[in-house]
Amino acid sequence: MMKKNAFILGGMFLFLTGCSALKKTVPSGTVDKKISSKNLVDSFEKSALQFDTASLRLQALLESEGKSQQINLSVRLKDQEIFWASASVVIPVAKVMVTQNGIQFYEKVGRTYFDGDFSLLSNFLGTEITQQKLQNLLLGQPIAPLSSKKWNLSYQKNQYVLSSKRSRTPLQETYHLYAGNFRLAEQHLEQPQQNRSLKVRYLDYAQVKGQWIPSKVVFVSSVNQKQSILTLTYHSVALNEHLRFPFRIPNGYTPIEL
């Protein structure tokens, strides 16, 4: 039951709802080998996405333990506060609400619900997750601010590569930035002692109101050598519209036992 619910929850978390069709592009450009890691991080953070609310629509394909599932998801975000999503497979099948305090979700097929902390999603994704970190992963932001650490800088084709200076820390981080727009091409988070990792690849982007939004993202999670792959294709995005976040667990649903 826990694996089933982690599969449903993992599939739900990476979809979006909105109004603006996306014109996708792969950022291009040439690396500047004279730039310092500090100036690179400054350029990245100056071009970061700014918004109060966001709504997105996407399609996701989740592959895990020999199973695959495709879901459409409508997601609404309030910056740093709320992640709300409604999942459907022809008809609505589940809803989720994530705040800084934890996760609530229910699914209609088995009439079950969850109301608790982030451990279920953290185990699925292979790294510790909060509401802010989840928002960052979806929108092409680092899981933690780049300016909070010092980095080794190298280059790979049209990308800058920032890697942790301290190799013996519990969490080892590597970030690839496109030279053309200083947006994330990839982030790789690894916890060797716990035998788990998460690699997120941002394959292309689109511009919405002059800001860069990911339009195709691939999550590869590995926990104790068991791999899950989640491919997200964003179809539309809207920023800074008035949004509602309705959520209520129906009566008669059974709590999930972890």
Protein backbone atom coordinates (compact mmCIF):
# COMPACT_ATOMS: atom_id res chain seq x y z
CA MET A 1 0.00 0.00 0.00
CA MET A 2 2.82 2.43 0.87
CA LYS A 3 4.51 1.85 -2.52
CA LYS A 4 1.20 2.39 -4.31
CA ASN A 5 0.55 5.65 -2.52
CA ALA A 6 4.12 6.87 -3.04
CA PHE A 7 3.64 6.10 -6.76
CA ILE A 8 0.39 8.11 -6.87
CA LEU A 9 1.84 10.97 -4.82
CA GLY A 10 5.03 11.07 -6.88
CA GLY A 11 2.99 11.22 -10.07
CA MET A 12 0.76 13.97 -8.76
CA PHE A 13 3.48 16.30 -7.68
CA LEU A 14 4.85 17.15 -11.02
CA PHE A 15 2.15 18.72 -13.24
CA LEU A 16 0.67 22.19 -13.84
CA THR A 17 -2.45 24.40 -14.92
CA GLY A 18 -2.56 27.69 -16.83
CA CYS A 19 -3.56 29.80 -19.85
CA SER A 20 -0.47 30.66 -21.93
CA ALA A 21 0.67 28.12 -24.51
CA LEU A 22 4.42 27.61 -24.36
CA LYS A 23 6.86 28.18 -27.20
CA LYS A 24 9.70 25.89 -26.24
CA THR A 25 13.39 26.41 -26.88
CA VAL A 26 16.71 24.89 -25.83
CA PRO A 27 18.86 27.77 -24.55
CA SER A 28 22.04 28.21 -26.57
CA GLY A 29 25.15 30.29 -26.02
CA THR A 30 28.89 30.12 -25.47
CA VAL A 31 30.49 29.87 -22.03
CA ASP A 32 32.65 32.73 -20.84
CA LYS A 33 35.69 31.11 -19.23
CA LYS A 34 36.71 34.43 -17.68
CA ILE A 35 33.65 34.59 -15.44
CA SER A 36 34.13 33.73 -11.77
CA SER A 37 31.85 31.36 -9.90
CA LYS A 38 30.63 34.28 -7.75
CA ASN A 39 29.71 36.42 -10.78
CA LEU A 40 28.04 33.40 -12.39
CA VAL A 41 25.89 32.84 -9.30
CA ASP A 42 25.05 36.58 -9.22
CA SER A 43 23.93 36.44 -12.88
CA PHE A 44 21.85 33.35 -12.18
CA GLU A 45 20.07 34.85 -9.18
CA LYS A 46 19.38 38.16 -10.96
CA SER A 47 17.54 36.25 -13.70
CA ALA A 48 15.53 34.10 -11.25
CA LEU A 49 11.78 33.74 -11.78
CA GLN A 50 9.75 36.35 -9.89
CA PHE A 51 6.03 35.75 -9.21
CA ASP A 52 3.29 35.92 -6.60
CA THR A 53 1.10 33.14 -8.02
CA ALA A 54 1.52 30.66 -10.85
CA SER A 55 -0.81 28.20 -12.52
CA LEU A 56 0.42 25.51 -14.91
CA ARG A 57 -0.82 22.57 -16.91
CA LEU A 58 1.31 19.59 -17.78
CA GLN A 59 1.41 15.93 -18.57
CA ALA A 60 3.63 13.55 -16.65
CA LEU A 61 4.85 10.03 -17.26
CA LEU A 62 5.98 8.16 -14.16
CA GLU A 63 8.01 4.95 -14.47
CA SER A 64 8.84 2.99 -11.32
CA GLU A 65 9.46 -0.69 -10.50
CA GLY A 66 8.34 -1.89 -13.91
CA LYS A 67 5.12 0.14 -13.87
CA SER A 68 4.21 3.28 -15.78
CA GLN A 69 1.41 5.79 -15.33
CA GLN A 70 0.49 8.94 -17.27
CA ILE A 71 -1.46 11.67 -15.50
CA ASN A 72 -2.67 15.17 -16.31
CA LEU A 73 -2.27 17.62 -13.50
CA SER A 74 -3.39 21.15 -12.75
CA VAL A 75 -1.09 22.93 -10.29
CA ARG A 76 -1.46 26.27 -8.53
CA LEU A 77 1.33 27.92 -6.58
CA LYS A 78 1.50 30.78 -4.11
CA ASP A 79 5.15 31.71 -3.85
CA GLN A 80 6.83 30.14 -0.80
CA GLU A 81 3.48 29.26 0.77
CA ILE A 82 1.20 26.84 -1.12
CA PHE A 83 1.44 24.04 -3.67
CA TRP A 84 -2.03 22.84 -4.77
CA ALA A 85 -2.67 20.21 -7.43
CA SER A 86 -5.55 18.29 -8.99
CA ALA A 87 -4.72 15.11 -10.90
CA SER A 88 -6.88 13.51 -13.57
CA VAL A 89 -6.90 10.49 -15.84
CA VAL A 90 -9.92 11.38 -18.03
CA ILE A 91 -11.74 12.22 -14.75
CA PRO A 92 -10.34 13.81 -11.56
CA VAL A 93 -8.69 11.18 -9.36
CA ALA A 94 -6.77 13.02 -6.64
CA LYS A 95 -5.95 16.34 -4.98
CA VAL A 96 -2.97 17.51 -2.96
CA MET A 97 -2.15 20.51 -0.80
CA VAL A 98 1.39 21.27 0.36
CA THR A 99 2.25 24.06 2.79
CA GLN A 100 5.25 24.77 4.97
CA ASN A 101 3.63 22.58 7.64
CA GLY A 102 3.32 19.38 5.59
CA ILE A 103 1.35 17.45 2.97
CA GLN A 104 -2.33 16.58 2.62
CA PHE A 105 -3.72 14.55 -0.25
CA TYR A 106 -6.54 12.17 -1.08
CA GLU A 107 -7.22 9.81 -3.97
CA LYS A 108 -10.69 8.83 -5.11
CA VAL A 109 -10.04 5.35 -6.50
CA GLY A 110 -9.13 3.71 -3.17
CA ARG A 111 -10.84 6.41 -1.08
CA THR A 112 -7.70 6.99 1.01
CA TYR A 113 -6.00 10.13 2.32
CA PHE A 114 -2.72 11.27 3.85
CA ASP A 115 -2.17 14.11 6.31
CA GLY A 116 1.40 14.36 7.57
CA ASP A 117 4.98 15.40 7.01
CA PHE A 118 7.26 15.29 3.95
CA SER A 119 8.86 11.88 4.57
CA LEU A 120 6.79 9.97 1.97
CA LEU A 121 7.66 12.39 -0.83
CA SER A 122 11.27 12.75 0.35
CA ASN A 123 11.73 8.99 0.19
CA PHE A 124 10.22 8.86 -3.29
CA LEU A 125 12.39 11.67 -4.68
CA GLY A 126 15.59 10.61 -2.95
CA THR A 127 16.26 13.90 -1.10
CA GLU A 128 14.76 15.90 1.76
CA ILE A 129 11.77 17.93 0.51
CA THR A 130 9.87 20.97 1.80
CA GLN A 131 7.22 23.13 0.14
CA GLN A 132 9.87 25.63 -0.98
CA LYS A 133 12.18 22.92 -2.33
CA LEU A 134 9.33 21.31 -4.25
CA GLN A 135 8.45 24.66 -5.82
CA ASN A 136 12.10 25.21 -6.75
CA LEU A 137 12.40 21.81 -8.43
CA LEU A 138 9.31 22.45 -10.57
CA LEU A 139 10.31 25.96 -11.65
CA GLY A 140 13.98 25.40 -12.47
CA GLN A 141 15.45 26.79 -9.28
CA PRO A 142 18.18 25.15 -7.16
CA ILE A 143 16.92 23.18 -4.20
CA ALA A 144 18.91 25.63 -2.02
CA PRO A 145 20.28 29.12 -2.83
CA LEU A 146 23.56 28.95 -4.76
CA SER A 147 24.84 32.07 -2.99
CA SER A 148 24.91 30.20 0.35
CA LYS A 149 27.96 28.12 -0.65
CA LYS A 150 31.28 28.23 -2.49
CA TRP A 151 31.65 26.28 -5.72
CA ASN A 152 34.13 24.69 -8.08
CA LEU A 153 33.49 25.96 -11.60
CA SER A 154 34.04 23.92 -14.77
CA TYR A 155 32.54 23.79 -18.27
CA GLN A 156 30.66 21.28 -20.41
CA LYS A 157 29.77 22.27 -23.99
CA ASN A 158 27.39 25.25 -23.66
CA GLN A 159 26.97 24.86 -19.90
CA TYR A 160 28.64 26.08 -16.74
CA VAL A 161 29.05 23.39 -14.05
CA LEU A 162 29.06 24.27 -10.34
CA SER A 163 30.02 21.48 -7.95
CA SER A 164 30.39 21.29 -4.17
CA LYS A 165 33.84 22.25 -2.92
CA ARG A 166 33.60 19.89 0.04
CA SER A 167 33.28 16.32 -1.20
CA ARG A 168 32.70 14.79 2.24
CA THR A 169 29.52 16.66 3.16
CA PRO A 170 26.33 14.56 3.66
CA LEU A 171 24.74 16.23 0.59
CA GLN A 172 26.83 16.58 -2.56
CA GLU A 173 25.46 19.03 -5.13
CA THR A 174 26.18 19.69 -8.81
CA TYR A 175 24.42 22.33 -10.92
CA HIS A 176 24.61 22.83 -14.70
CA LEU A 177 23.64 26.28 -16.04
CA TYR A 178 22.89 27.11 -19.67
CA ALA A 179 25.31 29.72 -21.00
CA GLY A 180 22.58 31.39 -23.06
CA ASN A 181 20.25 32.44 -20.24
CA PHE A 182 21.93 31.36 -16.96
CA ARG A 183 19.02 29.02 -16.18
CA LEU A 184 19.39 25.52 -14.77
CA ALA A 185 20.11 22.72 -17.20
CA GLU A 186 20.51 20.11 -14.46
CA GLN A 187 20.77 19.71 -10.73
CA HIS A 188 22.19 16.56 -9.14
CA LEU A 189 21.77 15.94 -5.41
CA GLU A 190 23.49 12.93 -3.89
CA GLN A 191 23.60 11.51 -0.36
CA PRO A 192 26.14 8.65 -0.60
CA GLN A 193 25.84 7.61 3.04
CA GLN A 194 22.10 7.09 2.64
CA ASN A 195 22.47 5.55 -0.82
CA ARG A 196 20.06 7.92 -2.50
CA SER A 197 20.21 10.61 -5.17
CA LEU A 198 18.06 12.87 -7.31
CA LYS A 199 18.97 14.16 -10.78
CA VAL A 200 16.72 16.76 -12.41
CA ARG A 201 17.28 17.70 -16.06
CA TYR A 202 15.65 20.79 -17.58
CA LEU A 203 15.67 19.88 -21.26
CA ASP A 204 14.08 23.05 -22.62
CA TYR A 205 12.51 26.33 -21.53
CA ALA A 206 9.85 28.82 -22.63
CA GLN A 207 9.39 32.52 -21.95
CA VAL A 208 6.28 33.75 -20.14
CA LYS A 209 5.96 37.51 -19.66
CA GLY A 210 9.70 37.85 -20.29
CA GLN A 211 10.68 35.20 -17.74
CA TRP A 212 12.14 31.74 -18.34
CA ILE A 213 9.97 28.75 -17.29
CA PRO A 214 10.97 25.07 -17.71
CA SER A 215 8.89 23.33 -20.37
CA LYS A 216 10.28 19.79 -20.16
CA VAL A 217 11.82 18.27 -17.04
CA VAL A 218 13.08 14.76 -16.25
CA PHE A 219 13.44 13.61 -12.63
CA VAL A 220 15.57 10.52 -11.96
CA SER A 221 15.32 9.37 -8.35
CA SER A 222 17.44 6.54 -6.93
CA VAL A 223 16.89 5.13 -3.44
CA ASN A 224 18.83 2.01 -2.42
CA GLN A 225 19.51 1.32 -6.13
CA LYS A 226 15.78 1.41 -6.98
CA GLN A 227 15.15 3.98 -9.72
CA SER A 228 12.07 6.03 -10.57
CA ILE A 229 11.81 8.32 -13.61
CA LEU A 230 9.30 11.14 -13.92
CA THR A 231 9.06 13.05 -17.22
CA LEU A 232 7.11 16.30 -17.17
CA THR A 233 5.89 18.13 -20.26
CA TYR A 234 4.52 21.59 -19.49
CA HIS A 235 1.73 22.73 -21.82
CA SER A 236 0.71 26.14 -20.46
CA VAL A 237 1.66 28.61 -17.75
CA ALA A 238 0.06 31.75 -16.28
CA LEU A 239 1.67 34.10 -13.77
CA ASN A 240 0.23 36.47 -11.17
CA GLU A 241 -3.47 35.74 -11.63
CA HIS A 242 -6.01 35.59 -8.82
CA LEU A 243 -6.15 31.94 -7.69
CA ARG A 244 -8.18 29.87 -5.25
CA PHE A 245 -6.81 26.83 -3.41
CA PRO A 246 -9.86 24.74 -2.39
CA PHE A 247 -9.07 21.58 -0.45
CA ARG A 248 -11.09 19.34 1.88
CA ILE A 249 -10.59 15.65 2.61
CA PRO A 250 -13.97 13.91 1.98
CA ASN A 251 -15.77 12.15 4.80
CA GLY A 252 -15.45 8.38 4.93
CA TYR A 253 -11.94 8.15 3.46
CA THR A 254 -9.36 5.84 5.12
CA PRO A 255 -6.04 7.25 6.35
CA ILE A 256 -2.89 5.81 4.77
CA GLU A 257 -0.73 3.83 7.19
CA LEU A 258 3.02 4.41 6.70
